[in-house]
C-alpha cells in the first residue's frame, strides 16, 4: 500500500470511531424533546388556569361582587 492510501485508511478509521458528532446530535434531539414537553405543558396549564380564573370571576359576579374600578 502507498503512504497516501495508508494515511487515508487511518483517517477513515479514526473518523468512524469518533462519536463526538453523534453525541452532539443526541443532546440536540434531547433538548428539542424537553422543549416540546415544556411548551405542551405550559399550553395545557395556561388554558386550565384561564378557565379557572374565568369561572371564579363569573361566580363572584353572580354573587354581586364586582371588580373594583379605578
N, C-alpha and C. Protein backbone atom coordinates (compact mmCIF):
# COMPACT_ATOMS: atom_id res chain seq x y z
N UNK A 1 0.84 -1.18 0.00
CA UNK A 1 0.00 0.00 0.00
C UNK A 1 0.88 1.24 0.00
N UNK A 2 0.36 2.27 -0.61
CA UNK A 2 1.11 3.52 -0.63
C UNK A 2 0.88 4.27 0.67
N UNK A 3 1.72 5.25 0.90
CA UNK A 3 1.62 6.05 2.13
C UNK A 3 0.30 6.82 2.15
N UNK A 4 -0.10 7.38 1.02
CA UNK A 4 -1.35 8.14 0.97
C UNK A 4 -2.55 7.25 1.28
N UNK A 5 -2.55 6.05 0.71
CA UNK A 5 -3.65 5.13 0.95
C UNK A 5 -3.70 4.69 2.41
N UNK A 6 -2.54 4.46 3.00
CA UNK A 6 -2.46 4.08 4.41
C UNK A 6 -2.96 5.21 5.30
N UNK A 7 -2.56 6.44 5.01
CA UNK A 7 -3.00 7.56 5.84
C UNK A 7 -4.50 7.82 5.69
N UNK A 8 -5.03 7.65 4.48
CA UNK A 8 -6.48 7.81 4.28
C UNK A 8 -7.23 6.74 5.06
N UNK A 9 -6.70 5.53 5.03
CA UNK A 9 -7.33 4.43 5.77
C UNK A 9 -7.30 4.71 7.28
N UNK A 10 -6.19 5.25 7.77
CA UNK A 10 -6.07 5.59 9.19
C UNK A 10 -7.05 6.70 9.56
N UNK A 11 -7.16 7.71 8.72
CA UNK A 11 -8.08 8.82 8.98
C UNK A 11 -9.52 8.32 8.95
N UNK A 12 -9.85 7.45 8.01
CA UNK A 12 -11.21 6.92 7.92
C UNK A 12 -11.57 6.11 9.15
N UNK A 13 -10.63 5.31 9.65
CA UNK A 13 -10.90 4.53 10.86
C UNK A 13 -11.10 5.44 12.07
N UNK A 14 -10.27 6.46 12.19
CA UNK A 14 -10.40 7.40 13.30
C UNK A 14 -11.75 8.13 13.23
N UNK A 15 -12.15 8.49 12.01
CA UNK A 15 -13.43 9.18 11.83
C UNK A 15 -14.59 8.27 12.21
N UNK A 16 -14.50 7.00 11.86
CA UNK A 16 -15.56 6.04 12.18
C UNK A 16 -15.68 5.81 13.68
N UNK A 17 -14.57 5.88 14.40
CA UNK A 17 -14.62 5.67 15.85
C UNK A 17 -15.01 6.93 16.61
N UNK A 18 -14.89 8.09 15.98
CA UNK A 18 -15.20 9.35 16.65
C UNK A 18 -16.70 9.48 16.84
N UNK A 19 -17.15 9.62 18.08
CA UNK A 19 -18.58 9.71 18.38
C UNK A 19 -18.98 11.09 18.88
N UNK A 20 -18.12 12.08 18.78
CA UNK A 20 -18.45 13.41 19.28
C UNK A 20 -19.63 14.01 18.53
N UNK A 21 -19.66 13.86 17.21
CA UNK A 21 -20.77 14.40 16.42
C UNK A 21 -22.09 13.73 16.77
N UNK A 22 -22.06 12.42 16.93
CA UNK A 22 -23.29 11.69 17.29
C UNK A 22 -23.79 12.11 18.66
N UNK A 23 -22.89 12.32 19.58
CA UNK A 23 -23.28 12.75 20.92
C UNK A 23 -23.92 14.13 20.87
N UNK A 24 -23.35 15.04 20.09
CA UNK A 24 -23.92 16.38 19.96
C UNK A 24 -25.33 16.32 19.37
N UNK A 25 -25.52 15.47 18.38
CA UNK A 25 -26.86 15.33 17.77
C UNK A 25 -27.84 14.77 18.79
N UNK A 26 -27.40 13.80 19.57
CA UNK A 26 -28.28 13.22 20.59
C UNK A 26 -28.68 14.25 21.62
N UNK A 27 -27.71 15.06 22.06
CA UNK A 27 -28.04 16.12 23.02
C UNK A 27 -29.00 17.14 22.40
N UNK A 28 -28.82 17.46 21.14
CA UNK A 28 -29.71 18.39 20.46
C UNK A 28 -31.13 17.85 20.38
N UNK A 29 -31.26 16.57 20.04
CA UNK A 29 -32.59 15.96 19.98
C UNK A 29 -33.24 15.90 21.35
N UNK A 30 -32.46 15.60 22.37
CA UNK A 30 -32.99 15.56 23.73
C UNK A 30 -33.46 16.95 24.17
N UNK A 31 -32.68 17.98 23.85
CA UNK A 31 -33.07 19.35 24.21
C UNK A 31 -34.35 19.75 23.48
N UNK A 32 -34.49 19.35 22.22
CA UNK A 32 -35.70 19.66 21.47
C UNK A 32 -36.92 18.95 22.08
N UNK A 33 -36.73 17.71 22.50
CA UNK A 33 -37.81 16.96 23.13
C UNK A 33 -38.24 17.62 24.45
N UNK A 34 -37.27 18.01 25.26
CA UNK A 34 -37.58 18.68 26.52
C UNK A 34 -38.32 19.99 26.25
N UNK A 35 -37.87 20.73 25.26
CA UNK A 35 -38.55 21.98 24.91
C UNK A 35 -39.99 21.76 24.47
N UNK A 36 -40.20 20.72 23.67
CA UNK A 36 -41.56 20.43 23.21
C UNK A 36 -42.47 20.05 24.38
N UNK A 37 -41.94 19.29 25.33
CA UNK A 37 -42.73 18.91 26.50
C UNK A 37 -43.07 20.14 27.33
N UNK A 38 -42.11 21.03 27.50
CA UNK A 38 -42.35 22.25 28.28
C UNK A 38 -43.43 23.11 27.61
N UNK A 39 -43.33 23.29 26.30
CA UNK A 39 -44.32 24.09 25.58
C UNK A 39 -45.71 23.46 25.69
N UNK A 40 -45.79 22.15 25.53
CA UNK A 40 -47.08 21.47 25.64
C UNK A 40 -47.68 21.59 27.02
N UNK A 41 -46.84 21.47 28.05
CA UNK A 41 -47.32 21.58 29.43
C UNK A 41 -47.82 22.99 29.72
N UNK A 42 -47.06 23.98 29.30
CA UNK A 42 -47.47 25.37 29.55
C UNK A 42 -48.76 25.69 28.80
N UNK A 43 -48.89 25.20 27.59
CA UNK A 43 -50.12 25.46 26.83
C UNK A 43 -51.32 24.83 27.53
N UNK A 44 -51.16 23.62 28.03
CA UNK A 44 -52.27 22.93 28.71
C UNK A 44 -52.61 23.62 30.03
N UNK A 45 -51.59 23.87 30.84
CA UNK A 45 -51.84 24.50 32.14
C UNK A 45 -52.33 25.94 31.98
N UNK A 46 -51.85 26.63 30.96
CA UNK A 46 -52.31 28.00 30.73
C UNK A 46 -53.79 28.05 30.43
N UNK A 47 -54.26 27.13 29.61
CA UNK A 47 -55.68 27.08 29.29
C UNK A 47 -56.52 26.72 30.51
N UNK A 48 -56.05 25.77 31.30
CA UNK A 48 -56.78 25.37 32.50
C UNK A 48 -56.80 26.50 33.53
N UNK A 49 -55.69 27.21 33.67
CA UNK A 49 -55.63 28.33 34.61
C UNK A 49 -56.58 29.44 34.18
N UNK A 50 -56.61 29.74 32.90
CA UNK A 50 -57.51 30.77 32.39
C UNK A 50 -58.97 30.37 32.63
N UNK A 51 -59.29 29.11 32.40
CA UNK A 51 -60.65 28.62 32.64
C UNK A 51 -61.01 28.75 34.12
N UNK A 52 -60.09 28.43 35.00
CA UNK A 52 -60.33 28.54 36.44
C UNK A 52 -60.60 29.97 36.88
N UNK A 53 -59.78 30.92 36.39
CA UNK A 53 -59.99 32.31 36.76
C UNK A 53 -61.29 32.86 36.17
N UNK A 54 -61.63 32.43 34.97
CA UNK A 54 -62.90 32.87 34.37
C UNK A 54 -64.08 32.35 35.17
N UNK A 55 -64.01 31.11 35.60
CA UNK A 55 -65.08 30.53 36.41
C UNK A 55 -65.22 31.27 37.74
N UNK A 56 -64.10 31.56 38.40
CA UNK A 56 -64.16 32.30 39.67
C UNK A 56 -64.73 33.70 39.46
N UNK A 57 -64.32 34.36 38.39
CA UNK A 57 -64.81 35.70 38.11
C UNK A 57 -66.32 35.68 37.86
N UNK A 58 -66.77 34.70 37.09
CA UNK A 58 -68.21 34.59 36.83
C UNK A 58 -69.01 34.34 38.11
N UNK A 59 -68.49 33.46 38.97
CA UNK A 59 -69.17 33.15 40.24
C UNK A 59 -69.22 34.38 41.15
N UNK A 60 -68.12 35.11 41.24
CA UNK A 60 -68.11 36.31 42.08
C UNK A 60 -69.08 37.36 41.54
N UNK A 61 -69.10 37.50 40.22
CA UNK A 61 -70.04 38.46 39.62
C UNK A 61 -71.48 38.02 39.89
N UNK A 62 -71.75 36.73 39.82
CA UNK A 62 -73.10 36.22 40.08
C UNK A 62 -73.51 36.47 41.53
N UNK A 63 -72.54 36.51 42.44
CA UNK A 63 -72.84 36.77 43.85
C UNK A 63 -72.90 38.27 44.15
N UNK A 64 -72.71 39.10 43.15
CA UNK A 64 -72.79 40.55 43.34
C UNK A 64 -71.48 41.17 43.74
N UNK A 65 -70.39 40.46 43.63
CA UNK A 65 -69.07 41.01 43.97
C UNK A 65 -68.37 41.36 42.66
N UNK A 66 -68.22 42.66 42.42
CA UNK A 66 -67.61 43.10 41.17
C UNK A 66 -66.17 43.54 41.42
N UNK A 67 -65.41 43.58 40.38
CA UNK A 67 -64.01 44.04 40.46
C UNK A 67 -64.01 45.54 40.72
N UNK A 68 -63.08 46.00 41.53
CA UNK A 68 -63.02 47.45 41.79
C UNK A 68 -62.62 48.21 40.55
N UNK A 69 -63.16 49.39 40.39
CA UNK A 69 -62.79 50.26 39.26
C UNK A 69 -61.98 51.42 39.79
N UNK A 70 -61.06 51.89 38.98
CA UNK A 70 -60.20 53.00 39.41
C UNK A 70 -60.80 54.32 39.04
